Amino acid sequence: MMARTTIALLLFAACRTTQPAGETRAYVVHPTGETRAAVVQAVAQALSHAPVPVDDDALSTTGVVVVERAQLEANQRAIQGEDPHAPGRTEQFHVVIRGERCFLVHERTYRYYELPGTTCAPR
C-alpha cells in the first residue's frame, strides 16, 4: 500500500513539472527589429510598465530574458528616499513554441504573450 502511495505522489509531481502538451521550450531564430519590438512590448505588458531595455541576443542564445525590477523601479525608489541602485527581485521570461507560433512566458505568472513576426526553434 505504501509503495502505491509513493508511486502516485511521484507521478503527480512529474505531471506538475512538465510543460503543457504541444508546447516546447525554444529560442528565437534570426532576431529582427520586429522580433525585438514584440519582446519589448510583451515584457512591458507583462510588467504593466513602460518599455524596458532587452538585450538583442537574449532570446536567440538562451531563450530567456531576465529583467531586474530595480531597473523598473529606480525612479519610484528614489522618490521614496530609497537607494535606486539597490538590487531588487528579477522577472524572468522564456520562449516556447505552440504549433507554429512563438510565445514569451512570464515565469512568475505563467501568462503567455505572442511574439508576432518571430521565428523560433526548439532548444
Protein backbone atom coordinates (compact mmCIF):
# COMPACT_ATOMS: atom_id res chain seq x y z
CA MET A 1 0.00 0.00 0.00
CA MET A 2 2.82 2.41 0.90
CA ALA A 3 4.53 1.75 -2.45
CA ARG A 4 1.34 2.65 -4.37
CA THR A 5 1.02 5.92 -2.48
CA THR A 6 4.67 6.79 -3.16
CA ILE A 7 4.32 5.99 -6.86
CA ALA A 8 1.13 8.04 -7.10
CA LEU A 9 2.85 11.02 -5.46
CA LEU A 10 5.85 10.75 -7.78
CA LEU A 11 3.59 10.60 -10.84
CA PHE A 12 1.61 13.59 -9.60
CA ALA A 13 4.83 15.60 -9.07
CA ALA A 14 6.11 14.64 -12.51
CA CYS A 15 2.88 15.78 -14.14
CA ARG A 16 3.08 19.16 -12.43
CA THR A 17 6.64 19.84 -13.62
CA THR A 18 6.16 19.05 -17.28
CA GLN A 19 5.21 21.63 -19.87
CA PRO A 20 1.72 21.68 -21.35
CA ALA A 21 1.12 19.32 -24.25
CA GLY A 22 2.08 20.75 -27.62
CA GLU A 23 4.49 23.26 -26.07
CA THR A 24 8.27 23.22 -26.45
CA ARG A 25 10.96 25.42 -24.89
CA ALA A 26 12.57 27.43 -27.67
CA TYR A 27 14.87 30.23 -28.74
CA VAL A 28 14.48 32.95 -31.37
CA VAL A 29 15.99 32.24 -34.77
CA HIS A 30 17.30 35.24 -36.75
CA PRO A 31 16.01 38.03 -34.50
CA THR A 32 14.88 41.16 -36.31
CA GLY A 33 13.76 44.63 -35.30
CA GLU A 34 10.18 43.32 -35.36
CA THR A 35 11.17 40.49 -33.02
CA ARG A 36 12.84 42.87 -30.59
CA ALA A 37 9.83 45.19 -30.64
CA ALA A 38 7.50 42.25 -29.95
CA VAL A 39 9.63 41.12 -26.99
CA VAL A 40 9.88 44.64 -25.54
CA GLN A 41 6.11 45.08 -25.89
CA ALA A 42 5.40 41.68 -24.28
CA VAL A 43 7.68 42.41 -21.30
CA ALA A 44 6.15 45.88 -20.84
CA GLN A 45 2.65 44.40 -20.97
CA ALA A 46 3.54 41.61 -18.54
CA LEU A 47 5.02 44.03 -16.03
CA SER A 48 2.46 46.82 -16.58
CA HIS A 49 5.32 49.19 -17.17
CA ALA A 50 6.79 51.38 -19.88
CA PRO A 51 9.06 49.55 -22.32
CA VAL A 52 12.25 48.24 -20.74
CA PRO A 53 15.61 47.53 -22.36
CA VAL A 54 16.04 43.95 -23.56
CA ASP A 55 19.35 42.55 -24.81
CA ASP A 56 19.28 42.00 -28.56
CA ASP A 57 20.61 38.46 -28.35
CA ALA A 58 18.99 37.27 -25.11
CA LEU A 59 16.29 35.20 -26.76
CA SER A 60 18.44 33.99 -29.63
CA THR A 61 21.10 32.40 -27.44
CA THR A 62 19.27 31.11 -24.37
CA GLY A 63 15.58 31.71 -25.00
CA VAL A 64 15.45 33.51 -21.64
CA VAL A 65 15.04 37.17 -20.65
CA VAL A 66 15.77 38.39 -17.12
CA VAL A 67 14.61 41.88 -16.15
CA GLU A 68 15.87 43.45 -12.96
CA ARG A 69 12.95 45.03 -11.12
CA ALA A 70 15.43 47.61 -9.81
CA GLN A 71 15.67 48.95 -13.38
CA LEU A 72 11.93 49.38 -13.48
CA GLU A 73 11.56 50.80 -10.01
CA ALA A 74 14.62 53.08 -9.77
CA ASN A 75 12.64 56.30 -10.13
CA GLN A 76 9.97 55.14 -7.68
CA ARG A 77 12.61 54.10 -5.15
CA ALA A 78 14.36 57.47 -5.42
CA ILE A 79 11.07 59.29 -4.83
CA GLN A 80 10.54 57.21 -1.68
CA GLY A 81 14.04 58.06 -0.41
CA GLU A 82 15.43 54.56 -1.05
CA ASP A 83 18.60 53.65 -2.89
CA PRO A 84 17.62 53.43 -6.57
CA HIS A 85 20.65 51.19 -7.23
CA ALA A 86 19.84 48.58 -4.60
CA PRO A 87 19.28 45.10 -6.03
CA GLY A 88 15.68 44.10 -6.44
CA ARG A 89 13.88 40.97 -7.46
CA THR A 90 14.07 39.80 -11.02
CA GLU A 91 11.37 38.92 -13.50
CA GLN A 92 12.11 36.03 -15.83
CA PHE A 93 10.64 35.10 -19.18
CA HIS A 94 11.25 32.21 -21.55
CA VAL A 95 10.27 31.39 -25.12
CA VAL A 96 8.06 28.49 -26.12
CA ILE A 97 6.62 27.21 -29.37
CA ARG A 98 2.96 26.26 -29.60
CA GLY A 99 2.17 24.89 -33.02
CA GLU A 100 3.77 27.36 -35.44
CA ARG A 101 3.69 30.38 -33.12
CA CYS A 102 6.23 31.74 -30.63
CA PHE A 103 5.26 32.98 -27.18
CA LEU A 104 7.08 34.69 -24.35
CA VAL A 105 6.07 33.18 -20.99
CA HIS A 106 6.28 35.23 -17.79
CA GLU A 107 7.60 32.71 -15.28
CA ARG A 108 6.05 34.32 -12.18
CA THR A 109 2.51 34.49 -13.57
CA TYR A 110 2.80 31.86 -16.32
CA ARG A 111 0.99 34.19 -18.71
CA TYR A 112 1.70 33.90 -22.42
CA TYR A 113 2.44 36.78 -24.80
CA GLU A 114 2.52 36.03 -28.52
CA LEU A 115 5.58 37.25 -30.42
CA PRO A 116 4.27 38.14 -33.89
CA GLY A 117 6.78 38.12 -36.73
CA THR A 118 9.13 35.89 -34.73
CA THR A 119 10.63 32.57 -35.83
CA CYS A 120 11.56 30.10 -33.09
CA ALA A 121 13.27 26.72 -32.94
CA PRO A 122 13.20 24.10 -30.17
CA ARG A 123 16.03 24.17 -27.63
